[in-house]
Amino acid sequence: MTTWLVDTINKYIRKFKFLLIRLLRIKDNAHHIAIGFTAGLLINFVPSFGIGPIISIASAKLVRGNLTSGFIGGISIIWAFPLLFYLNMVVGEKLIPIELDELGESIEETVEVLKVGVRIGKAFFIGMCMNMLVFGLIIYFLTYTIIKRYRKSALTFLTKKWKVPKSS
């Protein structure tokens, strides 16, 4: 059981390392790579029903970023969508409180159910927008700085010094 877990973890670390190497080897300026990566990654905050990577490429093109970095950003944290969905709800609920307790047993009519649904939808949408704004700024500046200042040393580290054992 533990060898299976170690092999699985090593497999995902190898994929992560591969994505980082691909991102750092893109021949484009730092701004285009960073804006494309950020636009692609932010799509994971939006429920995309399985077409997130395609939307990531389109969003990278929309902001005139690098399409490859947009795709890499889109698939890099696709596994974290449930966590990001929950984060959208938490942030939205903090900004627009959903007080379901005061409704109690009165949610029997269709109109009241729709009102509660709209309230939850507003909270999710506001939380999603806030998360995209905050995380977008952080991810852009982090990616831009790493690519602008540390691209060569990061590539050297990834290719020569960071050894990930192959799965058996």
N, C-alpha and C. Protein backbone atom coordinates (compact mmCIF):
# COMPACT_ATOMS: atom_id res chain seq x y z
N MET A 1 0.83 -1.20 0.00
CA MET A 1 0.00 0.00 0.00
C MET A 1 0.87 1.26 0.00
N THR A 2 1.93 1.27 0.79
CA THR A 2 2.75 2.48 0.86
C THR A 2 3.56 2.67 -0.41
N THR A 3 3.99 1.59 -1.09
CA THR A 3 4.73 1.77 -2.34
C THR A 3 3.81 2.36 -3.41
N TRP A 4 2.53 1.98 -3.39
CA TRP A 4 1.58 2.55 -4.33
C TRP A 4 1.44 4.05 -4.09
N LEU A 5 1.36 4.44 -2.84
CA LEU A 5 1.22 5.86 -2.50
C LEU A 5 2.46 6.65 -2.90
N VAL A 6 3.63 6.09 -2.63
CA VAL A 6 4.88 6.76 -3.00
C VAL A 6 4.98 6.89 -4.52
N ASP A 7 4.62 5.83 -5.24
CA ASP A 7 4.64 5.88 -6.70
C ASP A 7 3.67 6.93 -7.24
N THR A 8 2.50 7.00 -6.65
CA THR A 8 1.51 7.99 -7.09
C THR A 8 1.99 9.40 -6.82
N ILE A 9 2.54 9.64 -5.66
CA ILE A 9 3.06 10.97 -5.33
C ILE A 9 4.21 11.33 -6.27
N ASN A 10 5.12 10.39 -6.52
CA ASN A 10 6.23 10.64 -7.45
C ASN A 10 5.73 10.94 -8.86
N LYS A 11 4.66 10.26 -9.28
CA LYS A 11 4.09 10.50 -10.60
C LYS A 11 3.59 11.95 -10.71
N TYR A 12 2.89 12.41 -9.68
CA TYR A 12 2.37 13.79 -9.71
C TYR A 12 3.49 14.82 -9.57
N ILE A 13 4.52 14.51 -8.82
CA ILE A 13 5.67 15.41 -8.72
C ILE A 13 6.38 15.50 -10.07
N ARG A 14 6.50 14.38 -10.77
CA ARG A 14 7.11 14.39 -12.10
C ARG A 14 6.29 15.23 -13.08
N LYS A 15 4.97 15.10 -13.01
CA LYS A 15 4.10 15.91 -13.88
C LYS A 15 4.25 17.40 -13.56
N PHE A 16 4.31 17.72 -12.28
CA PHE A 16 4.48 19.12 -11.85
C PHE A 16 5.82 19.67 -12.35
N LYS A 17 6.86 18.87 -12.21
CA LYS A 17 8.19 19.27 -12.68
C LYS A 17 8.18 19.48 -14.19
N PHE A 18 7.53 18.60 -14.92
CA PHE A 18 7.43 18.72 -16.37
C PHE A 18 6.71 20.02 -16.76
N LEU A 19 5.60 20.33 -16.08
CA LEU A 19 4.87 21.56 -16.38
C LEU A 19 5.71 22.80 -16.09
N LEU A 20 6.46 22.77 -14.99
CA LEU A 20 7.33 23.90 -14.67
C LEU A 20 8.42 24.09 -15.73
N ILE A 21 9.02 22.99 -16.17
CA ILE A 21 10.06 23.08 -17.20
C ILE A 21 9.46 23.62 -18.50
N ARG A 22 8.27 23.12 -18.86
CA ARG A 22 7.61 23.62 -20.08
C ARG A 22 7.31 25.11 -19.98
N LEU A 23 6.86 25.54 -18.82
CA LEU A 23 6.53 26.96 -18.63
C LEU A 23 7.78 27.83 -18.73
N LEU A 24 8.85 27.40 -18.10
CA LEU A 24 10.07 28.21 -18.09
C LEU A 24 10.81 28.20 -19.42
N ARG A 25 10.55 27.21 -20.28
CA ARG A 25 11.23 27.13 -21.57
C ARG A 25 10.50 27.87 -22.69
N ILE A 26 9.36 28.45 -22.41
CA ILE A 26 8.61 29.17 -23.44
C ILE A 26 9.42 30.38 -23.89
N LYS A 27 9.55 30.51 -25.20
CA LYS A 27 10.32 31.62 -25.78
C LYS A 27 9.38 32.80 -26.02
N ASP A 28 9.16 33.58 -25.00
CA ASP A 28 8.32 34.77 -25.09
C ASP A 28 8.73 35.69 -23.95
N ASN A 29 8.24 36.92 -23.97
CA ASN A 29 8.64 37.80 -22.87
C ASN A 29 7.88 37.45 -21.59
N ALA A 30 8.38 37.89 -20.49
CA ALA A 30 7.86 37.51 -19.17
C ALA A 30 6.41 37.95 -18.99
N HIS A 31 6.05 39.11 -19.50
CA HIS A 31 4.68 39.60 -19.34
C HIS A 31 3.68 38.69 -20.05
N HIS A 32 3.96 38.31 -21.30
CA HIS A 32 3.04 37.46 -22.05
C HIS A 32 2.89 36.09 -21.40
N ILE A 33 3.98 35.56 -20.91
CA ILE A 33 3.91 34.25 -20.25
C ILE A 33 3.12 34.36 -18.94
N ALA A 34 3.42 35.38 -18.15
CA ALA A 34 2.75 35.54 -16.85
C ALA A 34 1.27 35.83 -17.01
N ILE A 35 0.91 36.67 -17.96
CA ILE A 35 -0.52 37.01 -18.13
C ILE A 35 -1.28 35.81 -18.70
N GLY A 36 -0.65 35.05 -19.59
CA GLY A 36 -1.30 33.85 -20.12
C GLY A 36 -1.48 32.79 -19.05
N PHE A 37 -0.45 32.57 -18.25
CA PHE A 37 -0.52 31.58 -17.17
C PHE A 37 -1.59 31.98 -16.15
N THR A 38 -1.62 33.25 -15.80
CA THR A 38 -2.59 33.73 -14.82
C THR A 38 -4.01 33.59 -15.35
N ALA A 39 -4.24 34.00 -16.59
CA ALA A 39 -5.58 33.89 -17.17
C ALA A 39 -6.02 32.43 -17.23
N GLY A 40 -5.12 31.55 -17.60
CA GLY A 40 -5.45 30.14 -17.66
C GLY A 40 -5.73 29.54 -16.30
N LEU A 41 -4.95 29.92 -15.33
CA LEU A 41 -5.12 29.39 -13.98
C LEU A 41 -6.41 29.89 -13.33
N LEU A 42 -6.79 31.12 -13.60
CA LEU A 42 -7.97 31.69 -12.96
C LEU A 42 -9.27 31.05 -13.44
N ILE A 43 -9.23 30.39 -14.58
CA ILE A 43 -10.43 29.70 -15.07
C ILE A 43 -10.84 28.59 -14.11
N ASN A 44 -9.91 28.09 -13.32
CA ASN A 44 -10.24 27.04 -12.36
C ASN A 44 -11.16 27.53 -11.24
N PHE A 45 -11.32 28.83 -11.08
CA PHE A 45 -12.26 29.35 -10.10
C PHE A 45 -13.70 29.33 -10.63
N VAL A 46 -13.86 29.16 -11.94
CA VAL A 46 -15.17 29.20 -12.59
C VAL A 46 -15.61 27.77 -12.88
N PRO A 47 -16.87 27.43 -12.58
CA PRO A 47 -17.35 26.10 -12.99
C PRO A 47 -17.37 26.00 -14.51
N SER A 48 -16.53 25.16 -15.08
CA SER A 48 -16.40 25.10 -16.53
C SER A 48 -16.90 23.78 -17.12
N PHE A 49 -17.33 22.87 -16.29
CA PHE A 49 -17.95 21.62 -16.71
C PHE A 49 -17.09 20.82 -17.69
N GLY A 50 -15.80 20.75 -17.41
CA GLY A 50 -14.90 19.91 -18.18
C GLY A 50 -14.21 20.56 -19.36
N ILE A 51 -14.57 21.78 -19.71
CA ILE A 51 -13.92 22.43 -20.85
C ILE A 51 -12.99 23.54 -20.38
N GLY A 52 -12.53 23.46 -19.15
CA GLY A 52 -11.63 24.46 -18.58
C GLY A 52 -10.35 24.69 -19.37
N PRO A 53 -9.65 23.61 -19.80
CA PRO A 53 -8.42 23.83 -20.57
C PRO A 53 -8.66 24.60 -21.87
N ILE A 54 -9.78 24.34 -22.53
CA ILE A 54 -10.10 25.07 -23.76
C ILE A 54 -10.39 26.54 -23.44
N ILE A 55 -11.14 26.76 -22.38
CA ILE A 55 -11.44 28.13 -21.96
C ILE A 55 -10.16 28.83 -21.51
N SER A 56 -9.22 28.09 -20.93
CA SER A 56 -7.94 28.66 -20.51
C SER A 56 -7.17 29.21 -21.70
N ILE A 57 -7.15 28.46 -22.77
CA ILE A 57 -6.46 28.92 -23.98
C ILE A 57 -7.16 30.16 -24.54
N ALA A 58 -8.49 30.12 -24.57
CA ALA A 58 -9.25 31.26 -25.09
C ALA A 58 -9.05 32.50 -24.23
N SER A 59 -9.02 32.32 -22.91
CA SER A 59 -8.82 33.48 -22.03
C SER A 59 -7.41 34.04 -22.16
N ALA A 60 -6.43 33.17 -22.37
CA ALA A 60 -5.06 33.65 -22.58
C ALA A 60 -4.98 34.45 -23.88
N LYS A 61 -5.67 33.99 -24.90
CA LYS A 61 -5.69 34.72 -26.18
C LYS A 61 -6.42 36.05 -26.02
N LEU A 62 -7.47 36.06 -25.23
CA LEU A 62 -8.26 37.27 -25.00
C LEU A 62 -7.44 38.38 -24.35
N VAL A 63 -6.55 38.01 -23.42
CA VAL A 63 -5.71 39.02 -22.74
C VAL A 63 -4.35 39.17 -23.41
N ARG A 64 -4.20 38.59 -24.60
CA ARG A 64 -2.97 38.66 -25.39
C ARG A 64 -1.76 38.05 -24.68
N GLY A 65 -2.05 36.97 -23.96
CA GLY A 65 -0.96 36.25 -23.31
C GLY A 65 -0.51 35.08 -24.16
N ASN A 66 0.46 34.36 -23.67
CA ASN A 66 0.98 33.20 -24.36
C ASN A 66 0.00 32.04 -24.21
N LEU A 67 -0.37 31.42 -25.33
CA LEU A 67 -1.38 30.36 -25.32
C LEU A 67 -0.89 29.10 -24.60
N THR A 68 0.38 28.76 -24.78
CA THR A 68 0.93 27.58 -24.11
C THR A 68 0.92 27.78 -22.60
N SER A 69 1.32 28.96 -22.15
CA SER A 69 1.31 29.21 -20.70
C SER A 69 -0.12 29.25 -20.17
N GLY A 70 -1.08 29.70 -20.99
CA GLY A 70 -2.48 29.66 -20.59
C GLY A 70 -2.97 28.25 -20.39
N PHE A 71 -2.58 27.36 -21.30
CA PHE A 71 -2.96 25.95 -21.18
C PHE A 71 -2.32 25.32 -19.95
N ILE A 72 -1.04 25.61 -19.74
CA ILE A 72 -0.34 25.07 -18.57
C ILE A 72 -1.00 25.58 -17.29
N GLY A 73 -1.36 26.86 -17.27
CA GLY A 73 -2.05 27.41 -16.10
C GLY A 73 -3.40 26.75 -15.88
N GLY A 74 -4.11 26.46 -16.98
CA GLY A 74 -5.42 25.84 -16.87
C GLY A 74 -5.39 24.43 -16.33
N ILE A 75 -4.37 23.67 -16.69
CA ILE A 75 -4.32 22.28 -16.22
C ILE A 75 -3.52 22.11 -14.94
N SER A 76 -2.82 23.16 -14.52
CA SER A 76 -1.92 23.00 -13.37
C SER A 76 -2.66 22.74 -12.06
N ILE A 77 -3.77 23.40 -11.84
CA ILE A 77 -4.49 23.15 -10.58
C ILE A 77 -5.93 22.74 -10.84
N ILE A 78 -6.15 22.05 -11.94
CA ILE A 78 -7.50 21.58 -12.26
C ILE A 78 -8.02 20.63 -11.18
N TRP A 79 -7.12 19.94 -10.52
CA TRP A 79 -7.47 19.00 -9.46
C TRP A 79 -8.03 19.72 -8.23
N ALA A 80 -7.76 21.01 -8.10
CA ALA A 80 -8.17 21.75 -6.90
C ALA A 80 -9.51 22.45 -7.07
N PHE A 81 -10.25 22.16 -8.14
CA PHE A 81 -11.51 22.86 -8.36
C PHE A 81 -12.47 22.76 -7.17
N PRO A 82 -12.68 21.58 -6.56
CA PRO A 82 -13.61 21.55 -5.42
C PRO A 82 -13.18 22.50 -4.28
N LEU A 83 -11.89 22.58 -4.03
CA LEU A 83 -11.39 23.50 -3.01
C LEU A 83 -11.64 24.96 -3.41
N LEU A 84 -11.41 25.29 -4.67
CA LEU A 84 -11.63 26.65 -5.14
C LEU A 84 -13.12 27.00 -5.14
N PHE A 85 -13.97 26.04 -5.47
CA PHE A 85 -15.42 26.25 -5.42
C PHE A 85 -15.84 26.58 -3.98
N TYR A 86 -15.33 25.80 -3.04
CA TYR A 86 -15.63 26.03 -1.63
C TYR A 86 -15.10 27.40 -1.18
N LEU A 87 -13.90 27.75 -1.63
CA LEU A 87 -13.33 29.05 -1.29
C LEU A 87 -14.20 30.19 -1.83
N ASN A 88 -14.73 30.02 -3.04
CA ASN A 88 -15.65 31.02 -3.59
C ASN A 88 -16.87 31.20 -2.69
N MET A 89 -17.41 30.09 -2.22
CA MET A 89 -18.59 30.17 -1.35
C MET A 89 -18.25 30.82 -0.01
N VAL A 90 -17.12 30.48 0.56
CA VAL A 90 -16.73 31.03 1.86
C VAL A 90 -16.52 32.54 1.77
N VAL A 91 -15.77 32.98 0.76
CA VAL A 91 -15.51 34.41 0.59
C VAL A 91 -16.80 35.15 0.27
N GLY A 92 -17.62 34.58 -0.61
CA GLY A 92 -18.89 35.21 -0.95
C GLY A 92 -19.82 35.31 0.24
N GLU A 93 -19.83 34.29 1.07
CA GLU A 93 -20.69 34.30 2.26
C GLU A 93 -20.22 35.32 3.27
N LYS A 94 -18.92 35.57 3.32
CA LYS A 94 -18.39 36.60 4.24
C LYS A 94 -18.79 38.00 3.75
N LEU A 95 -18.83 38.19 2.42
CA LEU A 95 -19.17 39.50 1.87
C LEU A 95 -20.68 39.72 1.77
N ILE A 96 -21.41 38.67 1.42
CA ILE A 96 -22.87 38.73 1.36
C ILE A 96 -23.40 37.60 2.24
N PRO A 97 -23.66 37.88 3.50
CA PRO A 97 -24.09 36.80 4.40
C PRO A 97 -25.39 36.14 3.94
N ILE A 98 -25.38 34.83 3.98
CA ILE A 98 -26.57 34.04 3.66
C ILE A 98 -27.16 33.59 4.99
N GLU A 99 -28.29 34.16 5.35
CA GLU A 99 -28.90 33.83 6.63
C GLU A 99 -30.05 32.86 6.41
N LEU A 100 -29.71 31.59 6.33
CA LEU A 100 -30.72 30.57 6.12
C LEU A 100 -31.45 30.25 7.42
N ASP A 101 -30.86 30.57 8.56
CA ASP A 101 -31.47 30.28 9.85
C ASP A 101 -32.77 31.05 10.04
N GLU A 102 -32.82 32.28 9.58
CA GLU A 102 -34.02 33.09 9.78
C GLU A 102 -35.18 32.60 8.91
N LEU A 103 -34.89 31.86 7.84
CA LEU A 103 -35.95 31.33 7.01
C LEU A 103 -36.60 30.12 7.67
N GLY A 104 -35.79 29.31 8.31
CA GLY A 104 -36.30 28.15 9.05
C GLY A 104 -37.11 27.23 8.18
N GLU A 105 -38.34 26.97 8.62
CA GLU A 105 -39.22 26.04 7.92
C GLU A 105 -40.04 26.72 6.83
N SER A 106 -39.84 28.01 6.62
CA SER A 106 -40.70 28.73 5.68
C SER A 106 -40.33 28.53 4.21
N ILE A 107 -39.32 27.72 3.93
CA ILE A 107 -38.94 27.47 2.54
C ILE A 107 -39.84 26.36 2.01
N GLU A 108 -41.06 26.70 1.71
CA GLU A 108 -41.98 25.73 1.16
C GLU A 108 -42.49 26.16 -0.20
N GLU A 109 -42.53 27.44 -0.43
CA GLU A 109 -43.05 27.92 -1.69
C GLU A 109 -41.91 28.08 -2.69
N THR A 110 -42.25 27.94 -3.95
CA THR A 110 -41.26 28.01 -5.02
C THR A 110 -40.55 29.34 -5.06
N VAL A 111 -41.28 30.41 -4.80
CA VAL A 111 -40.70 31.75 -4.85
C VAL A 111 -39.61 31.90 -3.78
N GLU A 112 -39.86 31.37 -2.60
CA GLU A 112 -38.86 31.48 -1.54
C GLU A 112 -37.64 30.61 -1.81
N VAL A 113 -37.85 29.47 -2.42
CA VAL A 113 -36.73 28.62 -2.80
C VAL A 113 -35.87 29.34 -3.84
N LEU A 114 -36.51 29.99 -4.79
CA LEU A 114 -35.78 30.75 -5.80
C LEU A 114 -35.01 31.91 -5.18
N LYS A 115 -35.62 32.58 -4.20
CA LYS A 115 -34.93 33.68 -3.53
C LYS A 115 -33.66 33.19 -2.83
N VAL A 116 -33.76 32.06 -2.16
CA VAL A 116 -32.58 31.50 -1.48
C VAL A 116 -31.53 31.10 -2.52
N GLY A 117 -31.97 30.50 -3.62
CA GLY A 117 -31.04 30.13 -4.69
C GLY A 117 -30.32 31.33 -5.27
N VAL A 118 -31.05 32.42 -5.47
CA VAL A 118 -30.44 33.64 -5.99
C VAL A 118 -29.45 34.21 -4.98
N ARG A 119 -29.79 34.16 -3.70
CA ARG A 119 -28.87 34.64 -2.65
C ARG A 119 -27.57 33.84 -2.64
N ILE A 120 -27.70 32.53 -2.74
CA ILE A 120 -26.51 31.67 -2.76
C ILE A 120 -25.71 31.92 -4.03
N GLY A 121 -26.38 32.09 -5.17
CA GLY A 121 -25.70 32.38 -6.43
C GLY A 121 -24.96 33.70 -6.39
N LYS A 122 -25.56 34.72 -5.78
CA LYS A 122 -24.89 36.02 -5.63
C LYS A 122 -23.63 35.87 -4.79
N ALA A 123 -23.76 35.16 -3.69
CA ALA A 123 -22.61 34.97 -2.81
C ALA A 123 -21.49 34.25 -3.55
N PHE A 124 -21.84 33.20 -4.31
CA PHE A 124 -20.82 32.47 -5.06
C PHE A 124 -20.16 33.36 -6.09
N PHE A 125 -20.95 34.13 -6.84
CA PHE A 125 -20.41 34.98 -7.89
C PHE A 125 -19.50 36.07 -7.33
N ILE A 126 -19.92 36.71 -6.25
CA ILE A 126 -19.10 37.76 -5.62
C ILE A 126 -17.80 37.14 -5.09
N GLY A 127 -17.90 35.98 -4.44
CA GLY A 127 -16.71 35.30 -3.94
C GLY A 127 -15.77 34.91 -5.07
N MET A 128 -16.33 34.43 -6.18
CA MET A 128 -15.51 34.06 -7.33
C MET A 128 -14.77 35.27 -7.89
N CYS A 129 -15.48 36.38 -8.03
CA CYS A 129 -14.85 37.60 -8.56
C CYS A 129 -13.74 38.10 -7.63
N MET A 130 -13.99 38.10 -6.35
CA MET A 130 -12.98 38.56 -5.39
C MET A 130 -11.76 37.64 -5.40
N ASN A 131 -12.00 36.33 -5.41
CA ASN A 131 -10.89 35.38 -5.44
C ASN A 131 -10.08 35.51 -6.72
N MET A 132 -10.75 35.68 -7.84
CA MET A 132 -10.04 35.84 -9.11
C MET A 132 -9.20 37.11 -9.11
N LEU A 133 -9.72 38.17 -8.53
CA LEU A 133 -8.98 39.43 -8.47
C LEU A 133 -7.74 39.29 -7.59
N VAL A 134 -7.93 38.81 -6.38
CA VAL A 134 -6.82 38.70 -5.43
C VAL A 134 -5.78 37.69 -5.90
N PHE A 135 -6.23 36.46 -6.22
CA PHE A 135 -5.29 35.44 -6.66
C PHE A 135 -4.66 35.80 -8.00
N GLY A 136 -5.42 36.46 -8.86
CA GLY A 136 -4.88 36.86 -10.15
C GLY A 136 -3.71 37.81 -10.01
N LEU A 137 -3.85 38.80 -9.16
CA LEU A 137 -2.76 39.75 -8.94
C LEU A 137 -1.54 39.06 -8.33
N ILE A 138 -1.78 38.23 -7.35
CA ILE A 138 -0.67 37.53 -6.69
C ILE A 138 0.04 36.59 -7.68
N ILE A 139 -0.72 35.81 -8.41
CA ILE A 139 -0.13 34.84 -9.33
C ILE A 139 0.61 35.54 -10.46
N TYR A 140 0.03 36.63 -10.99
CA TYR A 140 0.70 37.35 -12.07
C TYR A 140 2.06 37.87 -11.61
N PHE A 141 2.08 38.58 -10.49
CA PHE A 141 3.35 39.17 -10.05
C PHE A 141 4.36 38.11 -9.64
N LEU A 142 3.91 37.04 -9.05
CA LEU A 142 4.82 35.94 -8.70
C LEU A 142 5.40 35.29 -9.96
N THR A 143 4.55 34.97 -10.92
CA THR A 143 5.01 34.35 -12.16
C THR A 143 5.93 35.29 -12.94
N TYR A 144 5.54 36.54 -13.04
CA TYR A 144 6.34 37.53 -13.75
C TYR A 144 7.73 37.65 -13.14
N THR A 145 7.79 37.74 -11.81
CA THR A 145 9.07 37.88 -11.12
C THR A 145 9.94 36.65 -11.32
N ILE A 146 9.36 35.48 -11.18
CA ILE A 146 10.14 34.25 -11.35
C ILE A 146 10.68 34.14 -12.76
N ILE A 147 9.86 34.44 -13.74
CA ILE A 147 10.31 34.31 -15.13
C ILE A 147 11.31 35.40 -15.48
N LYS A 148 11.07 36.60 -15.02
CA LYS A 148 11.96 37.72 -15.36
C LYS A 148 13.33 37.57 -14.70
N ARG A 149 13.35 37.22 -13.42
CA ARG A 149 14.61 37.23 -12.67
C ARG A 149 15.28 35.87 -12.54
N TYR A 150 14.47 34.82 -12.41
CA TYR A 150 15.05 33.53 -12.02
C TYR A 150 14.85 32.43 -13.04
N ARG A 151 14.53 32.74 -14.29
CA ARG A 151 14.24 31.70 -15.28
C ARG A 151 15.40 30.74 -15.46
N LYS A 152 16.59 31.28 -15.70
CA LYS A 152 17.76 30.41 -15.96
C LYS A 152 18.13 29.57 -14.74
N SER A 153 18.18 30.18 -13.58
CA SER A 153 18.56 29.42 -12.39
C SER A 153 17.48 28.40 -12.02
N ALA A 154 16.22 28.72 -12.24
CA ALA A 154 15.14 27.77 -11.95
C ALA A 154 15.20 26.59 -12.92
N LEU A 155 15.46 26.87 -14.19
CA LEU A 155 15.60 25.78 -15.16
C LEU A 155 16.78 24.89 -14.83
N THR A 156 17.88 25.49 -14.44
CA THR A 156 19.06 24.70 -14.05
C THR A 156 18.73 23.81 -12.86
N PHE A 157 18.06 24.37 -11.88
CA PHE A 157 17.68 23.59 -10.71
C PHE A 157 16.75 22.44 -11.10
N LEU A 158 15.72 22.74 -11.91
CA LEU A 158 14.75 21.72 -12.28
C LEU A 158 15.36 20.60 -13.11
N THR A 159 16.24 20.94 -14.03
CA THR A 159 16.77 19.92 -14.93
C THR A 159 17.97 19.17 -14.38
N LYS A 160 18.78 19.82 -13.56
CA LYS A 160 20.02 19.19 -13.12
C LYS A 160 20.01 18.73 -11.66
N LYS A 161 19.39 19.50 -10.79
CA LYS A 161 19.53 19.22 -9.36
C LYS A 161 18.31 18.54 -8.74
N TRP A 162 17.13 18.80 -9.25
CA TRP A 162 15.92 18.24 -8.65
C TRP A 162 15.62 16.89 -9.29
N LYS A 163 15.99 15.83 -8.60
CA LYS A 163 15.79 14.48 -9.11
C LYS A 163 14.53 13.87 -8.48
N VAL A 164 13.63 13.42 -9.34
CA VAL A 164 12.42 12.76 -8.87
C VAL A 164 12.53 11.31 -9.32
N PRO A 165 12.43 10.36 -8.39
CA PRO A 165 12.54 8.96 -8.78
C PRO A 165 11.39 8.54 -9.67
N LYS A 166 11.68 7.68 -10.67
CA LYS A 166 10.66 7.18 -11.56
C LYS A 166 9.78 6.19 -10.82
N SER A 167 8.52 6.11 -11.27
CA SER A 167 7.61 5.12 -10.69
C SER A 167 8.02 3.73 -11.13
N SER A 168 7.77 2.75 -10.25
CA SER A 168 8.18 1.40 -10.61
C SER A 168 7.16 0.71 -11.47
